[in-house]
Amino acid sequence: MEAKNTPKVRATLEDVAQHAQVSLATADRVLNKRPGVRAATVARVNEAVRRLGYRPDPSAAKLARSRLRRVAFLLPAGANRFVGLLSEQIAANVEWMRDQRIDSEVLAVNVFNPGELAKALLAQEGQRDAVMVMALDHPVVRSAIDQLTQAGTVVITLVSDVPSSTRQHYVGIDNTAAGRTAATLVGRFVGRQPAKVAIILGSLSLRDHAERYFGFNQVMAHEHPHLTVLPPLEGQDDATRNEVLTKELFTAHPDLAAIYSVGAGNGGISTALRTSGRAHNTVFVGHELTPASRTDLLDGTMDAVINQDAGHEIRSALRVALAQWSQEPVIADQERIRIDIYLKDNLP
């Protein structure tokens, strides 16, 4: 009697976890290349994948996209214009999210207060399928992120990372490279004469600001030793505070040659430059192309703007969340956020 061909049963993620003697969550973390798993465990899971011939099930991915997913964007409260651009891009993608069965909400949080941010994160447990957060790199925030991911919520850090947490993905530019870029621009604009350079940032507790500051100092120390970098001033991304800090800088250092604004609140710096009569003899480099910074570039108050595409970041965060839910691979090149440099001569 001729034997019938029996279809080969497709290996599941549960099979991989059982074969590798790990939890389902650990197997999922290895397959999605998320941090926090020991090398020996990674090797065991990968060996199980090879032996079982495991491949993500496209029908499971389709099913994962059929249910309504709830997403929260935790963004800084206040008048940060770049955050406003992010919010505008979230609104611009509502129809696309509806097609993907995603329901989103934007929540304003004081990200400079770790306790408040951690509380806001923990409030999403059991309420959201994913949280996108501009995060503060602080122990209580890391703990809150870890608790969320342990509960099954996808956490994606946006613009500012918490790399030691168990967040699934970071969406944003290479901030160390951005700081190095700023230093190169400042050094070229100021020239070879000894001079002083000021740094105004939101907070060194913000990972993106700390990394930009680090990268800036790297280049300054090695390539522009004739320039003296003053101790950083924290304005918490507030335009009014930044205006006061800038005026105090001019009083304390009348020969100040340049200002590097690491974060937001550039309007306050611009106002101080104009009212002090220093708009055209002080080099000013900052971040994010907004309507205000565009005006500052055109009238010569700002010399250069280092930008990241807010639309790309929002779309990338959403695509990454979809990939996490459906266990599909993330396309690294598609999700890489570029560093753009704008002068008044190449404004889009």
Protein backbone atom coordinates (compact mmCIF):
# COMPACT_ATOMS: atom_id res chain seq x y z
CA MET A 1 0.00 0.00 0.00
CA GLU A 2 1.42 3.35 -1.02
CA ALA A 3 2.21 5.64 1.94
CA LYS A 4 0.55 9.01 2.02
CA ASN A 5 2.67 12.16 2.15
CA THR A 6 2.10 13.72 5.56
CA PRO A 7 2.57 17.51 5.60
CA LYS A 8 5.42 18.58 7.81
CA VAL A 9 4.18 20.34 10.93
CA ARG A 10 5.52 23.90 11.10
CA ALA A 11 7.63 24.58 14.20
CA THR A 12 6.22 27.24 16.50
CA LEU A 13 7.94 29.72 18.79
CA GLU A 14 6.69 27.59 21.69
CA ASP A 15 8.57 24.60 20.16
CA VAL A 16 11.75 26.69 20.00
CA ALA A 17 11.38 27.78 23.62
CA GLN A 18 10.78 24.20 24.78
CA HIS A 19 13.70 22.82 22.76
CA ALA A 20 16.05 25.52 24.09
CA GLN A 21 14.67 25.13 27.64
CA VAL A 22 13.85 28.82 27.99
CA SER A 23 10.67 30.81 28.52
CA LEU A 24 8.55 31.93 25.59
CA ALA A 25 9.43 35.56 26.41
CA THR A 26 13.17 34.77 26.30
CA ALA A 27 12.86 32.97 22.96
CA ASP A 28 10.94 35.97 21.58
CA ARG A 29 13.61 38.35 22.91
CA VAL A 30 16.41 36.38 21.19
CA LEU A 31 14.59 36.12 17.86
CA ASN A 32 13.90 39.86 17.85
CA LYS A 33 17.52 40.61 18.82
CA ARG A 34 16.59 42.50 21.96
CA PRO A 35 19.20 43.03 24.71
CA GLY A 36 19.33 41.47 28.16
CA VAL A 37 19.86 37.78 27.28
CA ARG A 38 23.07 35.90 28.13
CA ALA A 39 25.23 34.81 25.20
CA ALA A 40 24.90 31.12 26.11
CA THR A 41 21.10 31.42 26.08
CA VAL A 42 21.16 33.22 22.73
CA ALA A 43 23.28 30.41 21.29
CA ARG A 44 20.88 27.78 22.65
CA VAL A 45 17.82 29.49 21.14
CA ASN A 46 19.55 29.98 17.78
CA GLU A 47 20.54 26.32 17.74
CA ALA A 48 16.91 25.35 18.41
CA VAL A 49 15.80 27.59 15.54
CA ARG A 50 18.29 25.87 13.23
CA ARG A 51 17.41 22.32 14.30
CA LEU A 52 13.66 22.87 14.10
CA GLY A 53 13.78 24.96 10.93
CA TYR A 54 11.68 27.61 12.63
CA ARG A 55 10.36 30.49 10.53
CA PRO A 56 7.85 33.15 11.65
CA ASP A 57 4.37 32.21 10.45
CA PRO A 58 3.07 34.86 8.01
CA SER A 59 -0.52 33.89 8.82
CA ALA A 60 0.20 34.54 12.50
CA ALA A 61 1.62 37.93 11.58
CA LYS A 62 -1.54 38.70 9.61
CA LEU A 63 -3.69 37.61 12.54
CA ALA A 64 -1.62 39.75 14.91
CA ARG A 65 -2.43 42.78 12.79
CA SER A 66 -6.17 42.05 12.74
CA ARG A 67 -6.84 43.00 16.37
CA LEU A 68 -7.01 46.58 17.60
CA ARG A 69 -3.78 47.71 19.26
CA ARG A 70 -3.62 50.55 21.75
CA VAL A 71 -0.57 52.80 21.67
CA ALA A 72 0.49 55.70 23.89
CA PHE A 73 3.06 58.34 22.99
CA LEU A 74 4.60 59.80 26.17
CA LEU A 75 6.06 63.16 25.12
CA PRO A 76 7.47 66.08 27.12
CA ALA A 77 4.97 68.63 28.40
CA GLY A 78 5.59 72.29 27.59
CA ALA A 79 6.26 74.36 24.51
CA ASN A 80 9.07 72.28 22.94
CA ARG A 81 8.58 72.99 19.22
CA PHE A 82 10.17 69.73 18.09
CA VAL A 83 7.79 67.82 20.34
CA GLY A 84 5.06 69.78 18.60
CA LEU A 85 6.36 68.49 15.27
CA LEU A 86 6.24 64.93 16.61
CA SER A 87 2.62 65.46 17.71
CA GLU A 88 1.74 66.85 14.28
CA GLN A 89 3.24 63.77 12.65
CA ILE A 90 1.25 61.47 14.93
CA ALA A 91 -1.90 63.30 13.85
CA ALA A 92 -0.83 63.09 10.20
CA ASN A 93 -0.57 59.29 10.48
CA VAL A 94 -3.96 58.68 12.11
CA GLU A 95 -5.51 57.32 8.91
CA TRP A 96 -2.56 54.96 8.35
CA MET A 97 -2.81 53.81 11.96
CA ARG A 98 -6.53 53.19 11.52
CA ASP A 99 -5.77 50.99 8.50
CA GLN A 100 -3.26 49.06 10.66
CA ARG A 101 -5.79 48.69 13.49
CA ILE A 102 -3.87 51.01 15.82
CA ASP A 103 -5.53 53.43 18.24
CA SER A 104 -3.13 56.07 19.59
CA GLU A 105 -3.09 58.74 22.27
CA VAL A 106 -0.51 61.44 23.07
CA LEU A 107 0.18 61.99 26.77
CA ALA A 108 2.12 65.05 27.98
CA VAL A 109 4.54 64.22 30.80
CA ASN A 110 7.24 66.11 32.69
CA VAL A 111 10.15 64.00 31.43
CA PHE A 112 12.63 65.98 33.53
CA ASN A 113 11.07 64.47 36.68
CA PRO A 114 11.97 60.75 36.84
CA GLY A 115 9.26 59.98 39.39
CA GLU A 116 6.51 61.52 37.28
CA LEU A 117 7.74 59.82 34.12
CA ALA A 118 7.99 56.42 35.85
CA LYS A 119 4.47 56.83 37.24
CA ALA A 120 3.13 57.69 33.77
CA LEU A 121 4.86 54.64 32.29
CA LEU A 122 3.53 52.26 34.93
CA ALA A 123 0.01 53.62 34.41
CA GLN A 124 0.11 52.12 30.90
CA GLU A 125 0.50 48.55 32.18
CA GLY A 126 -2.46 46.49 31.03
CA GLN A 127 -3.84 49.52 29.20
CA ARG A 128 -1.55 49.72 26.15
CA ASP A 129 -0.04 47.28 23.71
CA ALA A 130 2.87 49.65 23.05
CA VAL A 131 4.38 52.78 24.58
CA MET A 132 6.61 55.19 22.68
CA VAL A 133 8.45 57.43 25.13
CA MET A 134 10.98 60.26 25.08
CA ALA A 135 12.74 58.95 28.12
CA LEU A 136 14.97 60.08 30.95
CA ASP A 137 17.85 57.69 31.64
CA HIS A 138 17.24 57.22 35.37
CA PRO A 139 16.99 54.09 37.57
CA VAL A 140 13.28 54.51 38.37
CA VAL A 141 12.49 55.06 34.68
CA ARG A 142 14.52 51.99 33.70
CA SER A 143 12.66 49.96 36.32
CA ALA A 144 9.29 51.16 35.00
CA ILE A 145 10.23 50.24 31.43
CA ASP A 146 11.41 46.80 32.56
CA GLN A 147 8.13 46.22 34.41
CA LEU A 148 6.14 47.21 31.32
CA THR A 149 8.05 44.89 28.98
CA GLN A 150 7.82 42.06 31.50
CA ALA A 151 4.04 42.54 31.44
CA GLY A 152 4.04 42.18 27.65
CA THR A 153 3.91 45.84 26.59
CA VAL A 154 6.18 46.84 23.71
CA VAL A 155 8.30 49.84 24.76
CA ILE A 156 10.08 51.95 22.15
CA THR A 157 12.26 54.86 23.20
CA LEU A 158 11.94 57.87 20.93
CA VAL A 159 14.67 60.54 20.41
CA SER A 160 16.23 59.87 23.85
CA ASP A 161 17.17 56.31 24.81
CA VAL A 162 17.43 54.17 27.97
CA PRO A 163 19.79 51.49 26.58
CA SER A 164 20.23 49.54 29.82
CA SER A 165 16.48 48.90 30.04
CA THR A 166 14.63 46.07 28.33
CA ARG A 167 12.95 48.40 25.84
CA GLN A 168 12.55 46.67 22.49
CA HIS A 169 13.91 49.37 20.20
CA TYR A 170 15.33 52.91 20.07
CA VAL A 171 14.19 55.25 17.31
CA GLY A 172 16.35 58.33 16.84
CA ILE A 173 19.64 59.64 15.56
CA ASP A 174 23.12 58.72 16.77
CA ASN A 175 23.35 61.53 19.30
CA THR A 176 27.07 61.18 19.94
CA ALA A 177 27.65 61.65 16.22
CA ALA A 178 25.30 64.64 16.28
CA GLY A 179 27.36 66.26 19.04
CA ARG A 180 30.56 65.59 17.12
CA THR A 181 28.98 67.18 14.06
CA ALA A 182 28.05 70.26 16.07
CA ALA A 183 31.63 70.58 17.35
CA THR A 184 33.03 70.38 13.82
CA LEU A 185 30.63 73.11 12.67
CA VAL A 186 31.42 75.37 15.63
CA GLY A 187 35.16 74.85 15.18
CA ARG A 188 34.99 75.70 11.48
CA PHE A 189 32.81 78.78 12.02
CA VAL A 190 34.86 80.20 14.92
CA GLY A 191 38.24 79.68 13.27
CA ARG A 192 41.75 79.21 14.68
CA GLN A 193 41.89 82.04 17.20
CA PRO A 194 41.57 81.14 20.92
CA ALA A 195 37.98 81.68 22.06
CA LYS A 196 35.26 80.56 24.48
CA VAL A 197 32.35 78.31 23.60
CA ALA A 198 29.19 77.89 25.71
CA ILE A 199 26.88 74.87 25.91
CA ILE A 200 23.21 75.13 26.88
CA LEU A 201 21.32 71.85 27.25
CA GLY A 202 18.05 70.64 28.71
CA SER A 203 19.47 68.18 31.21
CA LEU A 204 22.41 65.81 31.36
CA SER A 205 19.94 63.22 32.66
CA LEU A 206 18.45 63.07 29.17
CA ARG A 207 20.46 60.45 27.31
CA ASP A 208 20.34 62.31 23.98
CA HIS A 209 21.65 65.50 25.59
CA ALA A 210 24.38 63.67 27.51
CA GLU A 211 25.54 61.87 24.36
CA ARG A 212 25.56 65.06 22.28
CA TYR A 213 27.57 66.79 25.02
CA PHE A 214 30.02 63.87 25.10
CA GLY A 215 30.47 63.85 21.32
CA PHE A 216 30.91 67.64 21.24
CA ASN A 217 33.66 67.54 23.86
CA GLN A 218 35.41 64.67 22.07
CA VAL A 219 35.92 66.72 18.92
CA MET A 220 36.66 69.95 20.76
CA ALA A 221 39.39 68.35 22.86
CA HIS A 222 41.12 66.61 19.95
CA GLU A 223 40.58 68.93 17.00
CA HIS A 224 40.01 72.39 18.50
CA PRO A 225 42.13 72.61 21.67
CA HIS A 226 42.44 76.38 21.18
CA LEU A 227 38.72 76.71 22.01
CA THR A 228 37.72 76.72 25.68
CA VAL A 229 34.43 74.92 26.33
CA LEU A 230 32.63 76.42 29.34
CA PRO A 231 30.76 74.20 31.85
CA PRO A 232 27.31 73.22 30.50
CA LEU A 233 24.22 75.10 31.62
CA GLU A 234 20.88 73.31 32.06
CA GLY A 235 17.81 75.20 30.85
CA GLN A 236 15.38 72.23 30.83
CA ASP A 237 14.44 73.02 27.21
CA ASP A 238 12.63 76.14 28.38
CA ALA A 239 12.97 79.25 26.18
CA THR A 240 12.59 81.70 29.07
CA ARG A 241 15.29 79.99 31.14
CA ASN A 242 17.57 79.79 28.10
CA GLU A 243 17.19 83.51 27.46
CA VAL A 244 18.24 84.27 31.03
CA LEU A 245 21.18 81.86 30.83
CA THR A 246 22.37 83.41 27.55
CA LYS A 247 22.28 86.95 28.93
CA GLU A 248 24.20 85.79 32.00
CA LEU A 249 26.79 84.21 29.71
CA PHE A 250 27.34 87.50 27.88
CA THR A 251 27.73 89.33 31.19
CA ALA A 252 30.25 86.81 32.54
CA HIS A 253 32.05 86.28 29.21
CA PRO A 254 31.86 89.38 26.98
CA ASP A 255 34.25 87.69 24.54
CA LEU A 256 32.06 84.59 24.10
CA ALA A 257 32.48 83.36 20.52
CA ALA A 258 29.91 80.58 20.15
CA ILE A 259 26.90 78.85 21.67
CA TYR A 260 25.93 75.25 21.08
CA SER A 261 22.31 74.56 22.04
CA VAL A 262 22.03 70.83 22.71
CA GLY A 263 18.27 70.66 23.16
CA ALA A 264 15.16 72.79 22.71
CA GLY A 265 14.26 76.31 23.82
CA ASN A 266 16.33 77.93 21.08
CA GLY A 267 13.90 80.84 20.85
CA GLY A 268 15.17 82.17 24.16
CA ILE A 269 18.78 82.05 22.97
CA SER A 270 17.86 83.82 19.73
CA THR A 271 16.03 86.56 21.65
CA ALA A 272 19.03 87.09 23.93
CA LEU A 273 21.39 87.24 20.95
CA ARG A 274 19.26 89.90 19.24
CA THR A 275 18.59 92.06 22.30
CA SER A 276 22.27 91.94 23.27
CA GLY A 277 23.35 92.97 19.78
CA ARG A 278 25.27 89.70 19.41
CA ALA A 279 23.15 87.99 16.73
CA HIS A 280 25.71 88.42 13.96
CA ASN A 281 29.00 88.09 15.83
CA THR A 282 28.31 84.99 17.95
CA VAL A 283 28.26 81.57 16.29
CA PHE A 284 25.03 79.76 17.14
CA VAL A 285 24.50 76.06 16.32
CA GLY A 286 21.44 74.16 17.51
CA HIS A 287 19.11 71.27 16.83
CA GLU A 288 15.84 70.69 14.96
CA LEU A 289 14.51 72.56 11.94
CA THR A 290 11.35 74.31 13.15
CA PRO A 291 9.63 77.42 11.72
CA ALA A 292 11.50 79.51 14.32
CA SER A 293 14.94 78.02 13.60
CA ARG A 294 14.28 78.41 9.88
CA THR A 295 13.72 82.14 10.46
CA ASP A 296 16.86 82.32 12.60
CA LEU A 297 18.90 80.70 9.84
CA LEU A 298 17.57 83.05 7.19
CA ASP A 299 18.28 86.22 9.19
CA GLY A 300 21.72 85.03 10.32
CA THR A 301 20.98 84.56 14.03
CA MET A 302 21.68 80.83 13.72
CA ASP A 303 24.59 79.49 11.68
CA ALA A 304 23.56 75.84 11.38
CA VAL A 305 20.81 73.45 12.47
CA ILE A 306 21.30 69.73 13.03
CA ASN A 307 18.01 68.03 12.29
CA GLN A 308 16.23 64.70 12.66
CA ASP A 309 13.11 63.93 10.65
CA ALA A 310 10.12 63.88 13.05
CA GLY A 311 7.90 62.19 10.46
CA HIS A 312 10.41 59.41 9.84
CA GLU A 313 10.74 58.83 13.59
CA ILE A 314 6.99 58.48 14.19
CA ARG A 315 6.50 56.20 11.18
CA SER A 316 9.54 54.14 12.22
CA ALA A 317 8.30 53.72 15.80
CA LEU A 318 4.94 52.49 14.53
CA ARG A 319 6.52 50.09 12.01
CA VAL A 320 8.78 48.68 14.73
CA ALA A 321 5.77 48.13 17.01
CA LEU A 322 3.98 46.27 14.20
CA ALA A 323 7.07 44.12 13.66
CA GLN A 324 7.22 43.28 17.37
CA TRP A 325 3.58 42.22 17.48
CA SER A 326 3.82 40.09 14.34
CA GLN A 327 7.33 38.74 15.06
CA GLU A 328 8.53 40.02 11.72
CA PRO A 329 12.11 41.29 11.28
CA VAL A 330 12.91 45.00 11.52
CA ILE A 331 14.60 46.36 8.38
CA ALA A 332 17.54 48.25 9.89
CA ASP A 333 18.27 50.46 6.88
CA GLN A 334 14.64 51.54 6.63
CA GLU A 335 14.49 52.51 10.30
CA ARG A 336 17.85 54.29 10.51
CA ILE A 337 17.28 58.00 11.27
CA ARG A 338 19.68 60.29 9.41
CA ILE A 339 21.47 63.36 10.76
CA ASP A 340 20.67 66.32 8.50
CA ILE A 341 22.64 69.58 8.51
CA TYR A 342 20.90 72.77 7.37
CA LEU A 343 22.40 76.15 6.60
CA LYS A 344 20.43 79.07 5.22
CA ASP A 345 21.63 78.03 1.75
CA ASN A 346 20.13 74.52 1.66
CA LEU A 347 16.82 74.89 3.47
CA PRO A 348 14.13 72.55 2.10
